[in-house]
N, C-alpha and C. Protein backbone atom coordinates (compact mmCIF):
# COMPACT_ATOMS: atom_id res chain seq x y z
N MET A 1 -42.87 1.14 19.12
CA MET A 1 -42.12 -0.04 20.54
C MET A 1 -42.91 0.79 21.49
N SER A 2 -43.02 1.96 22.05
CA SER A 2 -43.60 2.23 23.29
C SER A 2 -44.84 2.16 23.15
N ARG A 3 -45.90 1.94 22.27
CA ARG A 3 -47.37 1.40 22.15
C ARG A 3 -47.21 -0.24 23.09
N LEU A 4 -46.00 -0.86 22.39
CA LEU A 4 -46.37 -2.38 23.24
C LEU A 4 -46.26 -2.28 24.86
N GLY A 5 -45.40 -1.61 25.07
CA GLY A 5 -44.90 -1.22 26.70
C GLY A 5 -46.12 -0.73 27.14
N TYR A 6 -46.67 0.24 26.82
CA TYR A 6 -48.12 0.44 27.07
C TYR A 6 -49.19 -0.18 27.40
N THR A 7 -49.25 -0.98 26.28
CA THR A 7 -50.66 -2.33 26.31
C THR A 7 -50.69 -3.03 27.23
N GLU A 8 -48.74 -3.47 27.22
CA GLU A 8 -48.79 -4.71 28.48
C GLU A 8 -49.31 -4.33 29.45
N VAL A 9 -48.81 -3.10 30.40
CA VAL A 9 -49.71 -2.53 31.44
C VAL A 9 -50.85 -2.10 31.52
N GLU A 10 -51.67 -2.24 30.81
CA GLU A 10 -52.72 -1.94 30.74
C GLU A 10 -53.80 -3.47 30.93
N ASN A 11 -52.86 -4.36 30.12
CA ASN A 11 -53.88 -5.55 30.04
C ASN A 11 -53.16 -6.44 31.51
N LYS A 12 -52.89 -5.91 32.51
CA LYS A 12 -52.20 -6.52 33.63
C LYS A 12 -53.23 -6.73 34.60
N THR A 13 -53.76 -7.83 35.35
CA THR A 13 -54.67 -7.99 35.80
C THR A 13 -54.30 -7.33 37.34
N PRO A 14 -55.60 -6.73 37.59
CA PRO A 14 -55.64 -5.79 38.68
C PRO A 14 -55.27 -6.21 39.94
N VAL A 15 -54.46 -5.61 41.12
CA VAL A 15 -53.79 -5.78 42.72
C VAL A 15 -55.07 -6.00 43.11
N GLN A 16 -55.51 -6.92 43.78
CA GLN A 16 -56.39 -6.81 44.69
C GLN A 16 -55.89 -6.97 45.87
N HIS A 17 -56.73 -6.36 47.31
CA HIS A 17 -56.39 -5.57 48.11
C HIS A 17 -56.17 -7.08 49.03
N ARG A 18 -55.43 -7.20 50.39
CA ARG A 18 -55.77 -8.41 51.21
C ARG A 18 -55.45 -7.69 52.72
N ILE A 19 -56.32 -8.29 53.98
CA ILE A 19 -56.05 -7.74 54.86
C ILE A 19 -55.59 -8.63 55.64
N MET A 20 -53.90 -8.14 56.13
CA MET A 20 -53.67 -9.57 57.32
C MET A 20 -54.15 -9.52 58.78
N ALA A 21 -54.65 -10.20 59.37
CA ALA A 21 -55.50 -10.42 60.04
C ALA A 21 -55.66 -12.12 60.58
N ASN A 22 -55.90 -12.39 61.95
CA ASN A 22 -55.88 -13.57 62.07
C ASN A 22 -57.20 -13.52 63.15
N LEU A 23 -57.87 -14.40 62.70
CA LEU A 23 -59.36 -14.67 62.56
C LEU A 23 -59.46 -16.25 63.09
N THR A 24 -60.30 -16.58 63.67
CA THR A 24 -60.18 -18.17 63.93
C THR A 24 -61.13 -18.79 62.95
N VAL A 25 -60.65 -19.50 62.41
CA VAL A 25 -61.37 -20.16 61.49
C VAL A 25 -62.01 -22.08 61.87
N GLN A 26 -63.06 -22.38 60.79
CA GLN A 26 -63.03 -23.74 61.24
C GLN A 26 -63.25 -24.19 59.76
N ALA A 27 -62.56 -24.90 58.90
CA ALA A 27 -62.57 -25.50 57.90
C ALA A 27 -62.86 -26.88 57.71
N SER A 28 -64.36 -27.07 56.71
CA SER A 28 -64.44 -29.03 56.93
C SER A 28 -65.00 -28.98 55.52
N TRP A 29 -64.59 -30.32 54.85
CA TRP A 29 -64.80 -30.85 53.71
C TRP A 29 -64.57 -32.55 54.12
N ILE A 30 -64.90 -33.21 52.91
CA ILE A 30 -65.56 -34.71 52.90
C ILE A 30 -63.95 -35.12 52.09
N ASP A 31 -63.08 -35.90 53.31
CA ASP A 31 -62.25 -36.88 52.60
C ASP A 31 -62.25 -37.56 51.15
N ALA A 32 -61.62 -37.41 50.07
CA ALA A 32 -61.98 -38.35 49.00
C ALA A 32 -61.84 -39.58 49.23
N GLU A 33 -60.42 -40.15 49.63
CA GLU A 33 -60.32 -41.27 49.81
C GLU A 33 -61.29 -42.52 50.68
N SER A 34 -61.20 -41.39 51.91
CA SER A 34 -62.11 -42.31 53.01
C SER A 34 -63.59 -41.99 53.26
N GLY A 35 -63.84 -41.10 52.60
CA GLY A 35 -65.23 -40.65 52.68
C GLY A 35 -65.91 -39.70 54.19
N ASN A 36 -64.94 -39.99 54.79
CA ASN A 36 -65.12 -39.37 56.03
C ASN A 36 -65.14 -37.51 56.38
N ALA A 37 -65.73 -37.07 57.09
CA ALA A 37 -65.67 -35.94 57.24
C ALA A 37 -64.59 -35.38 58.16
N VAL A 38 -64.22 -34.30 57.70
CA VAL A 38 -62.74 -33.81 58.35
C VAL A 38 -62.92 -32.12 58.69
N SER A 39 -63.21 -32.13 60.20
CA SER A 39 -63.26 -30.51 60.38
C SER A 39 -61.68 -30.35 61.12
N ILE A 40 -61.30 -29.17 60.56
CA ILE A 40 -60.00 -28.40 61.48
C ILE A 40 -60.25 -27.42 61.83
N ASN A 41 -59.90 -26.97 63.09
CA ASN A 41 -59.82 -25.23 63.21
C ASN A 41 -58.41 -24.97 63.06
N GLY A 42 -58.25 -23.67 62.29
CA GLY A 42 -57.13 -22.99 62.53
C GLY A 42 -57.41 -21.60 62.43
N PHE A 43 -56.24 -20.48 61.61
CA PHE A 43 -56.99 -19.02 61.72
C PHE A 43 -56.53 -18.79 60.11
N THR A 44 -56.53 -17.09 59.97
CA THR A 44 -56.44 -16.84 59.06
C THR A 44 -55.10 -15.89 59.10
N GLU A 45 -54.66 -15.90 57.64
CA GLU A 45 -53.35 -15.18 57.59
C GLU A 45 -53.52 -13.79 57.13
N ASN A 46 -54.67 -14.07 56.03
CA ASN A 46 -55.32 -12.80 55.10
C ASN A 46 -56.73 -12.87 54.89
N LEU A 47 -57.44 -12.01 54.56
CA LEU A 47 -58.38 -11.87 53.40
C LEU A 47 -58.43 -11.28 52.34
N GLY A 48 -59.10 -11.65 51.28
CA GLY A 48 -58.91 -11.12 50.21
C GLY A 48 -60.23 -10.33 49.88
N GLU A 49 -60.31 -10.23 48.51
CA GLU A 49 -61.80 -9.65 48.34
C GLU A 49 -62.99 -10.85 47.87
N ASN A 50 -61.99 -11.85 47.61
CA ASN A 50 -63.16 -13.34 47.30
C ASN A 50 -62.39 -14.53 47.64
N THR A 51 -61.22 -14.41 48.72
CA THR A 51 -59.96 -15.30 48.64
C THR A 51 -60.02 -15.25 50.38
N ALA A 52 -58.75 -16.12 50.76
CA ALA A 52 -58.89 -16.55 52.35
C ALA A 52 -57.48 -17.36 52.48
N LEU A 53 -56.54 -17.27 53.21
CA LEU A 53 -55.19 -17.97 53.23
C LEU A 53 -54.98 -18.03 54.89
N VAL A 54 -55.17 -19.45 54.78
CA VAL A 54 -55.73 -20.07 56.23
C VAL A 54 -54.54 -21.36 56.64
N ASN A 55 -54.45 -20.69 57.97
CA ASN A 55 -53.49 -21.54 58.46
C ASN A 55 -54.27 -22.91 59.30
N LEU A 56 -53.74 -23.94 58.64
CA LEU A 56 -54.32 -25.06 59.28
C LEU A 56 -53.41 -26.50 59.36
N GLU A 57 -53.64 -27.51 60.67
CA GLU A 57 -52.77 -28.40 60.78
C GLU A 57 -52.76 -29.56 59.57
N VAL A 58 -54.00 -29.64 59.37
CA VAL A 58 -54.14 -30.48 58.00
C VAL A 58 -54.89 -29.53 56.62
N LEU A 59 -54.55 -30.27 55.67
CA LEU A 59 -54.51 -29.35 54.46
C LEU A 59 -55.68 -30.46 53.52
N PRO A 60 -56.44 -29.73 52.54
CA PRO A 60 -57.05 -30.28 52.22
C PRO A 60 -56.69 -30.16 50.57
N PRO A 61 -56.94 -31.17 50.19
CA PRO A 61 -56.33 -31.77 48.33
C PRO A 61 -56.73 -30.44 47.38
N VAL A 62 -55.73 -29.74 46.53
CA VAL A 62 -56.35 -28.63 45.78
C VAL A 62 -57.44 -29.39 44.81
N GLY A 63 -58.34 -28.42 44.88
CA GLY A 63 -59.53 -28.82 44.31
C GLY A 63 -60.83 -28.86 44.87
N SER A 64 -60.18 -29.39 45.88
CA SER A 64 -62.07 -29.88 46.72
C SER A 64 -62.24 -28.64 47.63
N GLU A 65 -63.48 -28.67 47.76
CA GLU A 65 -64.72 -27.82 48.39
C GLU A 65 -64.42 -28.01 49.58
N VAL A 66 -64.29 -26.72 50.71
CA VAL A 66 -63.92 -26.74 51.75
C VAL A 66 -65.76 -25.49 52.30
N LYS A 67 -65.73 -25.81 53.60
CA LYS A 67 -67.14 -25.16 54.38
C LYS A 67 -66.10 -24.22 55.09
N LEU A 68 -65.76 -22.99 55.02
CA LEU A 68 -65.39 -22.16 55.76
C LEU A 68 -66.21 -21.28 56.69
N ARG A 69 -66.02 -21.50 58.20
CA ARG A 69 -66.63 -20.49 59.22
C ARG A 69 -66.04 -19.59 59.80
N ILE A 70 -65.93 -18.34 59.33
CA ILE A 70 -65.02 -17.64 60.16
C ILE A 70 -65.45 -16.57 61.47
N PHE A 71 -64.94 -16.85 62.29
CA PHE A 71 -65.44 -16.57 63.89
C PHE A 71 -64.72 -15.42 64.26
N ASP A 72 -65.34 -14.85 65.22
CA ASP A 72 -64.73 -13.23 66.28
C ASP A 72 -65.39 -13.58 67.22
N GLU A 73 -64.04 -13.78 68.20
CA GLU A 73 -64.37 -14.23 69.72
C GLU A 73 -65.36 -14.83 69.46
N GLU A 74 -65.30 -15.98 69.16
CA GLU A 74 -66.35 -17.34 69.40
C GLU A 74 -67.51 -17.38 68.53
N LYS A 75 -67.87 -15.68 68.02
CA LYS A 75 -69.03 -15.65 67.18
C LYS A 75 -69.07 -15.72 65.73
N ILE A 76 -69.89 -16.25 64.98
CA ILE A 76 -69.85 -16.96 63.51
C ILE A 76 -69.98 -15.65 63.28
N ILE A 77 -68.83 -15.00 62.19
CA ILE A 77 -69.28 -13.66 61.38
C ILE A 77 -70.02 -14.46 60.17
N ILE A 78 -69.28 -15.64 59.16
CA ILE A 78 -69.71 -15.91 58.12
C ILE A 78 -69.73 -17.37 57.81
N GLU A 79 -70.27 -18.10 57.03
CA GLU A 79 -70.06 -19.49 56.72
C GLU A 79 -70.26 -19.44 55.13
N VAL A 80 -68.82 -19.90 54.58
CA VAL A 80 -69.30 -20.13 53.20
C VAL A 80 -68.53 -21.12 52.48
N PRO A 81 -69.17 -21.19 51.26
CA PRO A 81 -68.60 -22.55 50.65
C PRO A 81 -67.15 -21.66 49.70
N THR A 82 -66.16 -22.70 50.04
CA THR A 82 -65.15 -22.62 48.66
C THR A 82 -64.32 -23.33 48.25
N GLN A 83 -63.07 -22.79 47.35
CA GLN A 83 -62.42 -24.03 47.17
C GLN A 83 -61.19 -23.94 47.11
N VAL A 84 -60.17 -24.94 47.08
CA VAL A 84 -59.00 -24.76 47.49
C VAL A 84 -58.49 -24.68 46.34
N ILE A 85 -57.37 -23.82 46.24
CA ILE A 85 -56.56 -23.06 44.79
C ILE A 85 -55.09 -23.60 45.02
N ARG A 86 -54.48 -23.51 46.57
CA ARG A 86 -53.36 -23.28 46.45
C ARG A 86 -52.94 -23.83 47.88
N VAL A 87 -51.76 -25.31 47.91
CA VAL A 87 -51.39 -25.44 48.97
C VAL A 87 -50.08 -25.14 49.53
N GLU A 88 -49.50 -24.81 50.57
CA GLU A 88 -47.68 -25.26 50.82
C GLU A 88 -48.13 -25.51 52.37
N ARG A 89 -47.07 -27.00 51.74
CA ARG A 89 -46.75 -27.94 53.04
C ARG A 89 -45.51 -27.84 54.09
N ASP A 90 -45.70 -26.46 54.48
CA ASP A 90 -44.65 -26.41 54.83
C ASP A 90 -44.71 -26.74 56.33
N PRO A 91 -43.99 -27.29 57.14
CA PRO A 91 -44.49 -28.22 58.31
C PRO A 91 -44.37 -27.12 59.61
N SER A 92 -44.16 -26.03 59.51
CA SER A 92 -44.08 -25.23 60.62
C SER A 92 -44.80 -24.16 59.95
N LYS A 93 -45.75 -23.94 58.91
CA LYS A 93 -46.48 -23.34 58.83
C LYS A 93 -47.44 -23.39 57.09
N PRO A 94 -48.36 -24.88 57.79
CA PRO A 94 -49.17 -25.56 56.26
C PRO A 94 -50.24 -24.53 56.22
N LEU A 95 -50.26 -24.19 54.96
CA LEU A 95 -51.35 -22.95 54.88
C LEU A 95 -52.09 -23.50 53.38
N ALA A 96 -53.31 -22.99 53.32
CA ALA A 96 -54.25 -23.69 52.23
C ALA A 96 -54.91 -21.85 51.79
N ALA A 97 -54.83 -21.66 50.54
CA ALA A 97 -55.59 -20.84 49.46
C ALA A 97 -57.14 -20.81 49.39
N LEU A 98 -57.89 -20.29 49.53
CA LEU A 98 -59.27 -20.87 49.68
C LEU A 98 -59.98 -19.40 48.58
N SER A 99 -60.34 -19.92 47.25
CA SER A 99 -61.26 -19.01 46.79
C SER A 99 -62.75 -19.06 47.18
N VAL A 100 -63.32 -18.34 47.53
CA VAL A 100 -65.04 -18.16 48.26
C VAL A 100 -65.99 -18.43 46.59
N LEU A 101 -66.77 -19.50 46.63
CA LEU A 101 -67.36 -19.93 45.65
C LEU A 101 -68.91 -18.67 45.81
N GLU A 102 -69.32 -18.35 46.75
CA GLU A 102 -70.80 -17.86 46.58
C GLU A 102 -70.65 -16.60 47.80
N ASN A 103 -71.69 -16.20 47.67
CA ASN A 103 -72.26 -14.82 48.53
C ASN A 103 -70.92 -13.73 49.07
N LEU A 104 -70.41 -13.45 47.53
CA LEU A 104 -69.24 -12.46 47.88
C LEU A 104 -69.03 -11.54 48.32
N LYS A 105 -71.06 -10.75 47.93
CA LYS A 105 -70.96 -9.39 48.62
C LYS A 105 -71.19 -9.55 50.46
N LYS A 106 -71.58 -10.18 50.38
CA LYS A 106 -71.54 -10.89 52.00
C LYS A 106 -70.29 -10.92 52.77
N TRP A 107 -69.70 -11.88 51.98
CA TRP A 107 -68.38 -11.83 52.23
C TRP A 107 -67.30 -10.19 52.46
N LYS A 108 -67.86 -9.79 51.44
CA LYS A 108 -67.37 -8.07 51.52
C LYS A 108 -67.39 -7.65 52.48
N GLN A 109 -68.92 -7.96 53.44
CA GLN A 109 -69.61 -6.84 54.24
C GLN A 109 -68.78 -7.25 55.23
N ASN A 110 -69.15 -8.93 55.62
CA ASN A 110 -68.97 -9.36 56.89
C ASN A 110 -67.83 -9.86 57.41
N ALA A 111 -66.75 -10.55 56.73
CA ALA A 111 -65.67 -10.85 56.53
C ALA A 111 -64.63 -9.90 56.50
N LEU A 112 -64.61 -9.40 55.40
CA LEU A 112 -63.46 -7.64 55.18
C LEU A 112 -63.68 -7.19 56.56
N THR A 113 -64.80 -6.92 56.80
CA THR A 113 -65.29 -5.71 57.53
C THR A 113 -64.49 -6.38 59.21
N ALA A 114 -64.98 -7.98 59.73
CA ALA A 114 -64.31 -8.38 60.50
C ALA A 114 -62.48 -8.22 60.55
N ALA A 115 -62.37 -8.24 59.59
CA ALA A 115 -60.68 -8.47 59.94
C ALA A 115 -60.53 -6.97 59.86
N GLN A 116 -60.65 -6.04 59.05
CA GLN A 116 -60.01 -4.49 59.25
C GLN A 116 -60.41 -4.05 61.10
N ASN A 117 -61.57 -4.70 61.46
CA ASN A 117 -61.62 -4.44 62.94
C ASN A 117 -61.07 -5.02 63.62
N TRP A 118 -60.12 -6.26 63.28
CA TRP A 118 -59.23 -6.67 64.23
C TRP A 118 -58.06 -6.02 63.90
N VAL A 119 -57.68 -5.46 62.89
CA VAL A 119 -56.70 -4.86 62.48
C VAL A 119 -56.60 -3.88 63.33
N THR A 120 -57.54 -3.05 63.30
CA THR A 120 -57.32 -1.10 64.18
C THR A 120 -57.18 -1.91 65.62
N ARG A 121 -58.22 -3.12 66.02
CA ARG A 121 -58.31 -3.73 67.45
C ARG A 121 -56.40 -3.99 67.76
N ASN A 122 -55.88 -4.77 66.93
CA ASN A 122 -54.35 -4.93 67.05
C ASN A 122 -53.66 -4.02 67.30
N TRP A 123 -53.75 -3.13 66.27
CA TRP A 123 -52.84 -1.61 66.24
C TRP A 123 -53.18 -1.10 67.84
N GLN A 124 -54.58 -0.66 68.37
CA GLN A 124 -54.41 -0.14 69.40
C GLN A 124 -53.96 -0.79 70.84
N LEU A 125 -53.97 -1.90 70.50
CA LEU A 125 -53.37 -3.02 71.51
C LEU A 125 -52.03 -2.91 71.84
N ASN A 126 -51.48 -3.20 70.86
CA ASN A 126 -50.09 -3.18 70.91
C ASN A 126 -49.16 -2.15 70.04
N TYR A 127 -50.08 -1.11 69.43
CA TYR A 127 -48.95 -0.22 68.54
C TYR A 127 -49.35 1.55 69.03
N GLU A 128 -50.54 1.55 69.66
CA GLU A 128 -50.62 2.59 69.90
C GLU A 128 -49.76 3.64 71.05
N GLU A 129 -49.61 3.30 71.85
CA GLU A 129 -48.72 4.05 72.83
C GLU A 129 -47.09 4.40 72.06
N GLU A 130 -46.42 3.30 70.97
CA GLU A 130 -45.15 3.55 70.56
C GLU A 130 -45.91 5.01 69.56
N TRP A 131 -46.67 4.96 69.22
CA TRP A 131 -47.24 6.32 68.05
C TRP A 131 -47.33 7.46 68.44
N VAL A 132 -48.07 7.69 69.75
CA VAL A 132 -48.41 8.84 70.22
C VAL A 132 -46.89 9.50 71.17
N ASN A 133 -46.92 10.82 70.94
CA ASN A 133 -45.95 11.65 70.53
C ASN A 133 -45.94 11.71 72.51
């Protein structure tokens, strides 16, 4: 019996790390019903090794492909194709979970580095004096 419990732990999916950062984004996609191009600005809630959770006023449909641009101080950090894997239609905080489809190595180098830099800047600006003795 103890072996079964151990096996369950072995087969679990490893936890992916996420960086909580608020970077500016632009999401673009083609509306399936009208055929019109939609482009919405928003910001990230967090960035993962191959995902992004973004806050957008208008949410794309689940399964649609979205071109995601991430900015840091109006400079494009990366532009990648993504797919919508989940949406949260909370009126106060509409969110879309996006899975990066290509350029994962570049995503990890550029996007995750920019997110980590944002966290460092935010900590230094808002909390550094509180932690210094």
